[in-house]
PDB file of N, CA and C in Angstrom:
ATOM      1  N   SER A   1     118.252  99.795  94.112  1.00  0.00           N
ATOM      2  CA  SER A   1     117.842 100.446  92.416  1.00  0.00           C
ATOM      3  C   SER A   1     116.419 100.281  92.515  1.00  0.00           C
ATOM      4  N   TRP A   2     115.948 100.864  91.724  1.00  0.00           N
ATOM      5  CA  TRP A   2     114.534 100.652  91.551  1.00  0.00           C
ATOM      6  C   TRP A   2     113.952 100.888  89.986  1.00  0.00           C
ATOM      7  N   ASP A   3     112.891 100.512  89.791  1.00  0.00           N
ATOM      8  CA  ASP A   3     112.430 100.628  88.126  1.00  0.00           C
ATOM      9  C   ASP A   3     112.166 102.459  87.966  1.00  0.00           C
ATOM     10  N   ARG A   4     113.045 102.503  86.892  1.00  0.00           N
ATOM     11  CA  ARG A   4     112.845 104.094  86.180  1.00  0.00           C
ATOM     12  C   ARG A   4     111.407 104.431  86.119  1.00  0.00           C
ATOM     13  N   ASN A   5     111.255 105.673  86.354  1.00  0.00           N
ATOM     14  CA  ASN A   5     109.964 106.388  86.038  1.00  0.00           C
ATOM     15  C   ASN A   5     110.035 106.784  84.450  1.00  0.00           C
ATOM     16  N   THR A   6     109.117 106.406  83.549  1.00  0.00           N
ATOM     17  CA  THR A   6     109.130 106.975  82.316  1.00  0.00           C
ATOM     18  C   THR A   6     108.507 108.236  82.018  1.00  0.00           C
ATOM     19  N   GLU A   7     108.080 109.018  82.845  1.00  0.00           N
ATOM     20  CA  GLU A   7     107.119 110.146  82.442  1.00  0.00           C
ATOM     21  C   GLU A   7     108.066 111.216  82.026  1.00  0.00           C
ATOM     22  N   PRO A   8     107.902 112.013  80.649  1.00  0.00           N
ATOM     23  CA  PRO A   8     108.595 112.714  80.160  1.00  0.00           C
ATOM     24  C   PRO A   8     109.308 113.774  80.938  1.00  0.00           C
ATOM     25  N   ASP A   9     108.591 114.369  81.857  1.00  0.00           N
ATOM     26  CA  ASP A   9     109.215 115.586  82.421  1.00  0.00           C
ATOM     27  C   ASP A   9     109.513 115.276  83.802  1.00  0.00           C
ATOM     28  N   LEU A  10     110.147 114.012  83.937  1.00  0.00           N
ATOM     29  CA  LEU A  10     111.043 113.403  85.417  1.00  0.00           C
ATOM     30  C   LEU A  10     112.126 114.333  85.476  1.00  0.00           C
ATOM     31  N   LYS A  11     112.212 114.816  86.583  1.00  0.00           N
ATOM     32  CA  LYS A  11     113.541 115.534  87.010  1.00  0.00           C
ATOM     33  C   LYS A  11     114.447 114.841  87.995  1.00  0.00           C
ATOM     34  N   GLY A  12     113.870 113.625  88.692  1.00  0.00           N
ATOM     35  CA  GLY A  12     114.687 112.853  89.661  1.00  0.00           C
ATOM     36  C   GLY A  12     113.976 112.305  90.581  1.00  0.00           C
ATOM     37  N   TYR A  13     114.522 111.923  91.805  1.00  0.00           N
ATOM     38  CA  TYR A  13     113.841 111.182  92.675  1.00  0.00           C
ATOM     39  C   TYR A  13     114.637 111.621  94.154  1.00  0.00           C
ATOM     40  N   HIS A  14     113.594 111.174  94.983  1.00  0.00           N
ATOM     41  CA  HIS A  14     113.904 111.592  96.385  1.00  0.00           C
ATOM     42  C   HIS A  14     114.082 110.271  97.140  1.00  0.00           C
ATOM     43  N   LEU A  15     114.944 110.254  97.866  1.00  0.00           N
ATOM     44  CA  LEU A  15     115.277 108.764  98.676  1.00  0.00           C
ATOM     45  C   LEU A  15     114.900 109.035 100.174  1.00  0.00           C
ATOM     46  N   TYR A  16     114.124 107.993 100.710  1.00  0.00           N
ATOM     47  CA  TYR A  16     113.732 108.367 102.254  1.00  0.00           C
ATOM     48  C   TYR A  16     113.936 107.199 102.935  1.00  0.00           C
ATOM     49  N   ARG A  17     114.481 107.174 104.039  1.00  0.00           N
ATOM     50  CA  ARG A  17     114.677 106.092 105.004  1.00  0.00           C
ATOM     51  C   ARG A  17     114.130 106.077 106.473  1.00  0.00           C
ATOM     52  N   GLY A  18     113.816 105.123 106.920  1.00  0.00           N
ATOM     53  CA  GLY A  18     113.351 105.314 108.177  1.00  0.00           C
ATOM     54  C   GLY A  18     113.660 103.983 109.045  1.00  0.00           C
ATOM     55  N   SER A  19     113.777 103.896 110.258  1.00  0.00           N
ATOM     56  CA  SER A  19     114.681 102.932 111.098  1.00  0.00           C
ATOM     57  C   SER A  19     113.985 102.537 112.390  1.00  0.00           C
ATOM     58  N   GLU A  20     114.102 101.257 112.582  1.00  0.00           N
ATOM     59  CA  GLU A  20     113.466 100.649 113.750  1.00  0.00           C
ATOM     60  C   GLU A  20     111.927 101.244 114.204  1.00  0.00           C
ATOM     61  N   GLY A  21     111.083 101.325 113.026  1.00  0.00           N
ATOM     62  CA  GLY A  21     109.814 101.467 113.237  1.00  0.00           C
ATOM     63  C   GLY A  21     109.618 103.065 113.327  1.00  0.00           C
ATOM     64  N   GLY A  22     110.544 104.048 113.236  1.00  0.00           N
ATOM     65  CA  GLY A  22     110.349 105.631 113.220  1.00  0.00           C
ATOM     66  C   GLY A  22     109.657 105.863 111.812  1.00  0.00           C
ATOM     67  N   PRO A  23     109.600 107.265 111.882  1.00  0.00           N
ATOM     68  CA  PRO A  23     109.213 107.959 110.518  1.00  0.00           C
ATOM     69  C   PRO A  23     110.131 108.075 109.516  1.00  0.00           C
ATOM     70  N   PHE A  24     109.675 108.149 108.121  1.00  0.00           N
ATOM     71  CA  PHE A  24     110.666 108.071 106.829  1.00  0.00           C
ATOM     72  C   PHE A  24     110.950 109.583 107.228  1.00  0.00           C
ATOM     73  N   SER A  25     112.405 109.807 106.627  1.00  0.00           N
ATOM     74  CA  SER A  25     112.972 111.200 106.531  1.00  0.00           C
ATOM     75  C   SER A  25     113.768 110.954 105.205  1.00  0.00           C
ATOM     76  N   ARG A  26     113.701 112.073 104.230  1.00  0.00           N
ATOM     77  CA  ARG A  26     114.503 112.241 103.287  1.00  0.00           C
ATOM     78  C   ARG A  26     115.923 112.405 103.538  1.00  0.00           C
ATOM     79  N   ILE A  27     116.759 111.543 102.690  1.00  0.00           N
ATOM     80  CA  ILE A  27     118.165 111.558 102.547  1.00  0.00           C
ATOM     81  C   ILE A  27     118.773 112.068 101.603  1.00  0.00           C
ATOM     82  N   GLY A  28     119.726 112.744 101.631  1.00  0.00           N
ATOM     83  CA  GLY A  28     120.382 113.221 100.418  1.00  0.00           C
ATOM     84  C   GLY A  28     119.774 114.323  99.612  1.00  0.00           C
ATOM     85  N   GLY A  29     120.072 114.558  98.549  1.00  0.00           N
ATOM     86  CA  GLY A  29     119.359 115.358  97.610  1.00  0.00           C
ATOM     87  C   GLY A  29     118.806 114.699  96.384  1.00  0.00           C
ATOM     88  N   LEU A  30     118.320 115.483  95.580  1.00  0.00           N
ATOM     89  CA  LEU A  30     117.680 114.860  94.196  1.00  0.00           C
ATOM     90  C   LEU A  30     118.624 114.074  93.532  1.00  0.00           C
ATOM     91  N   VAL A  31     117.972 112.622  93.431  1.00  0.00           N
ATOM     92  CA  VAL A  31     118.927 111.719  92.445  1.00  0.00           C
ATOM     93  C   VAL A  31     118.218 111.582  91.068  1.00  0.00           C
ATOM     94  N   GLU A  32     119.256 111.559  90.141  1.00  0.00           N
ATOM     95  CA  GLU A  32     118.717 111.876  88.671  1.00  0.00           C
ATOM     96  C   GLU A  32     118.705 110.544  88.262  1.00  0.00           C
ATOM     97  N   THR A  33     119.560 109.296  88.737  1.00  0.00           N
ATOM     98  CA  THR A  33     119.479 107.926  88.324  1.00  0.00           C
ATOM     99  C   THR A  33     118.551 107.132  89.268  1.00  0.00           C
ATOM    100  N   PRO A  34     117.958 105.913  88.762  1.00  0.00           N
ATOM    101  CA  PRO A  34     117.048 105.119  89.780  1.00  0.00           C
ATOM    102  C   PRO A  34     118.241 104.060  90.746  1.00  0.00           C
ATOM    103  N   SER A  35     119.072 104.593  91.298  1.00  0.00           N
ATOM    104  CA  SER A  35     119.845 103.898  92.289  1.00  0.00           C
ATOM    105  C   SER A  35     120.362 104.850  93.101  1.00  0.00           C
ATOM    106  N   ALA A  36     120.905 104.378  94.335  1.00  0.00           N
ATOM    107  CA  ALA A  36     121.491 105.105  95.420  1.00  0.00           C
ATOM    108  C   ALA A  36     122.082 104.168  96.519  1.00  0.00           C
ATOM    109  N   SER A  37     123.127 104.842  97.037  1.00  0.00           N
ATOM    110  CA  SER A  37     123.706 103.959  98.274  1.00  0.00           C
ATOM    111  C   SER A  37     123.646 104.813  99.484  1.00  0.00           C
ATOM    112  N   ASP A  38     123.625 104.050 100.228  1.00  0.00           N
ATOM    113  CA  ASP A  38     123.201 104.761 101.931  1.00  0.00           C
ATOM    114  C   ASP A  38     124.481 104.220 102.685  1.00  0.00           C
ATOM    115  N   ARG A  39     125.325 105.153 103.030  1.00  0.00           N
ATOM    116  CA  ARG A  39     126.700 104.627 103.803  1.00  0.00           C
ATOM    117  C   ARG A  39     126.592 104.857 105.265  1.00  0.00           C
ATOM    118  N   SER A  40     125.653 105.685 105.810  1.00  0.00           N
ATOM    119  CA  SER A  40     125.463 106.155 106.747  1.00  0.00           C
ATOM    120  C   SER A  40     124.258 105.151 107.754  1.00  0.00           C
ATOM    121  N   ILE A  41     124.500 103.749 107.688  1.00  0.00           N
ATOM    122  CA  ILE A  41     123.902 102.663 108.320  1.00  0.00           C
ATOM    123  C   ILE A  41     124.565 102.173 109.194  1.00  0.00           C
ATOM    124  N   GLU A  42     124.022 101.119 110.489  1.00  0.00           N
ATOM    125  CA  GLU A  42     124.640 100.780 111.386  1.00  0.00           C
ATOM    126  C   GLU A  42     124.499  99.075 111.178  1.00  0.00           C
ATOM    127  N   SER A  43     125.273  98.202 111.348  1.00  0.00           N
ATOM    128  CA  SER A  43     125.238  96.886 111.182  1.00  0.00           C
ATOM    129  C   SER A  43     124.300  96.440 111.998  1.00  0.00           C
ATOM    130  N   GLY A  44     123.362  95.625 111.856  1.00  0.00           N
ATOM    131  CA  GLY A  44     122.435  94.907 112.737  1.00  0.00           C
ATOM    132  C   GLY A  44     120.928  95.719 112.941  1.00  0.00           C
ATOM    133  N   LYS A  45     121.173  96.725 112.153  1.00  0.00           N
ATOM    134  CA  LYS A  45     119.687  97.700 112.612  1.00  0.00           C
ATOM    135  C   LYS A  45     118.752  97.728 111.123  1.00  0.00           C
ATOM    136  N   GLN A  46     117.735  97.430 111.550  1.00  0.00           N
ATOM    137  CA  GLN A  46     116.474  97.285 110.722  1.00  0.00           C
ATOM    138  C   GLN A  46     116.289  98.769 109.817  1.00  0.00           C
ATOM    139  N   TYR A  47     116.309  98.891 108.604  1.00  0.00           N
ATOM    140  CA  TYR A  47     116.018 100.045 107.721  1.00  0.00           C
ATOM    141  C   TYR A  47     114.856  99.841 106.774  1.00  0.00           C
ATOM    142  N   ARG A  48     114.056 100.762 106.628  1.00  0.00           N
ATOM    143  CA  ARG A  48     113.199 100.781 105.433  1.00  0.00           C
ATOM    144  C   ARG A  48     113.486 101.879 104.744  1.00  0.00           C
ATOM    145  N   TYR A  49     113.568 101.751 103.172  1.00  0.00           N
ATOM    146  CA  TYR A  49     113.573 102.602 102.138  1.00  0.00           C
ATOM    147  C   TYR A  49     112.368 102.790 101.242  1.00  0.00           C
ATOM    148  N   ALA A  50     112.269 104.031 100.928  1.00  0.00           N
ATOM    149  CA  ALA A  50     110.991 104.244  99.917  1.00  0.00           C
ATOM    150  C   ALA A  50     111.578 105.241  98.894  1.00  0.00           C
ATOM    151  N   VAL A  51     111.258 105.499  97.844  1.00  0.00           N
ATOM    152  CA  VAL A  51     111.419 106.590  97.022  1.00  0.00           C
ATOM    153  C   VAL A  51     110.162 107.439  96.442  1.00  0.00           C
ATOM    154  N   SER A  52     110.559 108.621  95.893  1.00  0.00           N
ATOM    155  CA  SER A  52     109.299 109.406  95.360  1.00  0.00           C
ATOM    156  C   SER A  52     109.925 110.078  94.106  1.00  0.00           C
ATOM    157  N   ALA A  53     109.043 110.319  93.007  1.00  0.00           N
ATOM    158  CA  ALA A  53     109.707 110.917  91.734  1.00  0.00           C
ATOM    159  C   ALA A  53     109.286 112.402  91.698  1.00  0.00           C
ATOM    160  N   VAL A  54     110.381 113.149  91.282  1.00  0.00           N
ATOM    161  CA  VAL A  54     109.938 114.311  91.152  1.00  0.00           C
ATOM    162  C   VAL A  54     109.780 114.808  89.797  1.00  0.00           C
ATOM    163  N   ASP A  55     109.111 115.793  89.207  1.00  0.00           N
ATOM    164  CA  ASP A  55     109.012 116.626  87.863  1.00  0.00           C
ATOM    165  C   ASP A  55     109.640 117.718  87.835  1.00  0.00           C
ATOM    166  N   GLN A  56     109.599 118.229  86.745  1.00  0.00           N
ATOM    167  CA  GLN A  56     110.181 119.610  86.327  1.00  0.00           C
ATOM    168  C   GLN A  56     109.763 120.605  87.204  1.00  0.00           C
ATOM    169  N   LEU A  57     108.444 120.669  87.331  1.00  0.00           N
ATOM    170  CA  LEU A  57     108.019 121.815  88.125  1.00  0.00           C
ATOM    171  C   LEU A  57     108.289 121.587  89.787  1.00  0.00           C
ATOM    172  N   GLY A  58     108.951 120.323  90.054  1.00  0.00           N
ATOM    173  CA  GLY A  58     108.842 120.057  91.751  1.00  0.00           C
ATOM    174  C   GLY A  58     107.906 119.197  92.292  1.00  0.00           C
ATOM    175  N   ASN A  59     106.753 118.873  91.815  1.00  0.00           N
ATOM    176  CA  ASN A  59     105.898 118.535  92.079  1.00  0.00           C
ATOM    177  C   ASN A  59     106.370 117.009  92.531  1.00  0.00           C
ATOM    178  N   GLU A  60     106.059 116.412  93.722  1.00  0.00           N
ATOM    179  CA  GLU A  60     106.651 115.112  94.177  1.00  0.00           C
ATOM    180  C   GLU A  60     105.393 113.804  94.174  1.00  0.00           C
ATOM    181  N   SER A  61     105.568 112.772  93.943  1.00  0.00           N
ATOM    182  CA  SER A  61     104.548 111.734  94.078  1.00  0.00           C
ATOM    183  C   SER A  61     104.841 111.157  95.364  1.00  0.00           C
ATOM    184  N   ALA A  62     103.613 110.348  95.291  1.00  0.00           N
ATOM    185  CA  ALA A  62     103.487 109.776  96.836  1.00  0.00           C
ATOM    186  C   ALA A  62     104.898 108.698  96.860  1.00  0.00           C
ATOM    187  N   LEU A  63     104.916 108.149  98.048  1.00  0.00           N
ATOM    188  CA  LEU A  63     106.086 107.423  98.291  1.00  0.00           C
ATOM    189  C   LEU A  63     105.870 106.060  97.650  1.00  0.00           C
ATOM    190  N   SER A  64     106.973 105.096  97.319  1.00  0.00           N
ATOM    191  CA  SER A  64     106.873 103.819  96.497  1.00  0.00           C
ATOM    192  C   SER A  64     106.447 102.878  97.742  1.00  0.00           C
ATOM    193  N   ALA A  65     106.596 101.493  97.167  1.00  0.00           N
ATOM    194  CA  ALA A  65     106.221 100.638  98.141  1.00  0.00           C
ATOM    195  C   ALA A  65     107.461 100.549  99.061  1.00  0.00           C
ATOM    196  N   ARG A  66     107.485 100.193 100.156  1.00  0.00           N
ATOM    197  CA  ARG A  66     108.836 100.331 101.201  1.00  0.00           C
ATOM    198  C   ARG A  66     109.372  98.867 101.059  1.00  0.00           C
ATOM    199  N   VAL A  67     110.695  98.903 101.293  1.00  0.00           N
ATOM    200  CA  VAL A  67     111.690  97.829 101.056  1.00  0.00           C
ATOM    201  C   VAL A  67     112.467  97.992 102.775  1.00  0.00           C
ATOM    202  N   GLU A  68     112.369  96.752 103.015  1.00  0.00           N
ATOM    203  CA  GLU A  68     113.101  96.630 104.487  1.00  0.00           C
ATOM    204  C   GLU A  68     114.418  96.072 104.355  1.00  0.00           C
ATOM    205  N   VAL A  69     115.618  96.426 104.910  1.00  0.00           N
ATOM    206  CA  VAL A  69     116.775  95.578 105.059  1.00  0.00           C
ATOM    207  C   VAL A  69     117.342  95.753 106.361  1.00  0.00           C
ATOM    208  N   THR A  70     118.113  94.642 106.639  1.00  0.00           N
ATOM    209  CA  THR A  70     118.950  94.773 107.816  1.00  0.00           C
ATOM    210  C   THR A  70     120.626  94.326 107.480  1.00  0.00           C
ATOM    211  N   PRO A  71     121.086  95.352 107.473  1.00  0.00           N
ATOM    212  CA  PRO A  71     122.886  95.199 106.995  1.00  0.00           C
ATOM    213  C   PRO A  71     123.335  94.003 108.230  1.00  0.00           C
ATOM    214  N   PRO A  72     124.182  93.205 107.592  1.00  0.00           N
ATOM    215  CA  PRO A  72     124.888  92.382 108.222  1.00  0.00           C
ATOM    216  C   PRO A  72     125.656  92.681 109.263  1.00  0.00           C
TER     217      PRO A  72
END
């Protein structure tokens, strides 16, 4: 989960994932709430996540700060 964008023209968010030092790729479709689950990951592999905000016109923000996780 992440902090909600408070802009009045917010349409939703895109979630991005990178793994093992590779580039970020968008996963899933537009998310309307500030949370998401990623069920297609492997145990013991390192992943990085970031989100962007999308407005009603389809303009997308820069990616957020990255978060790194390694599932057990």
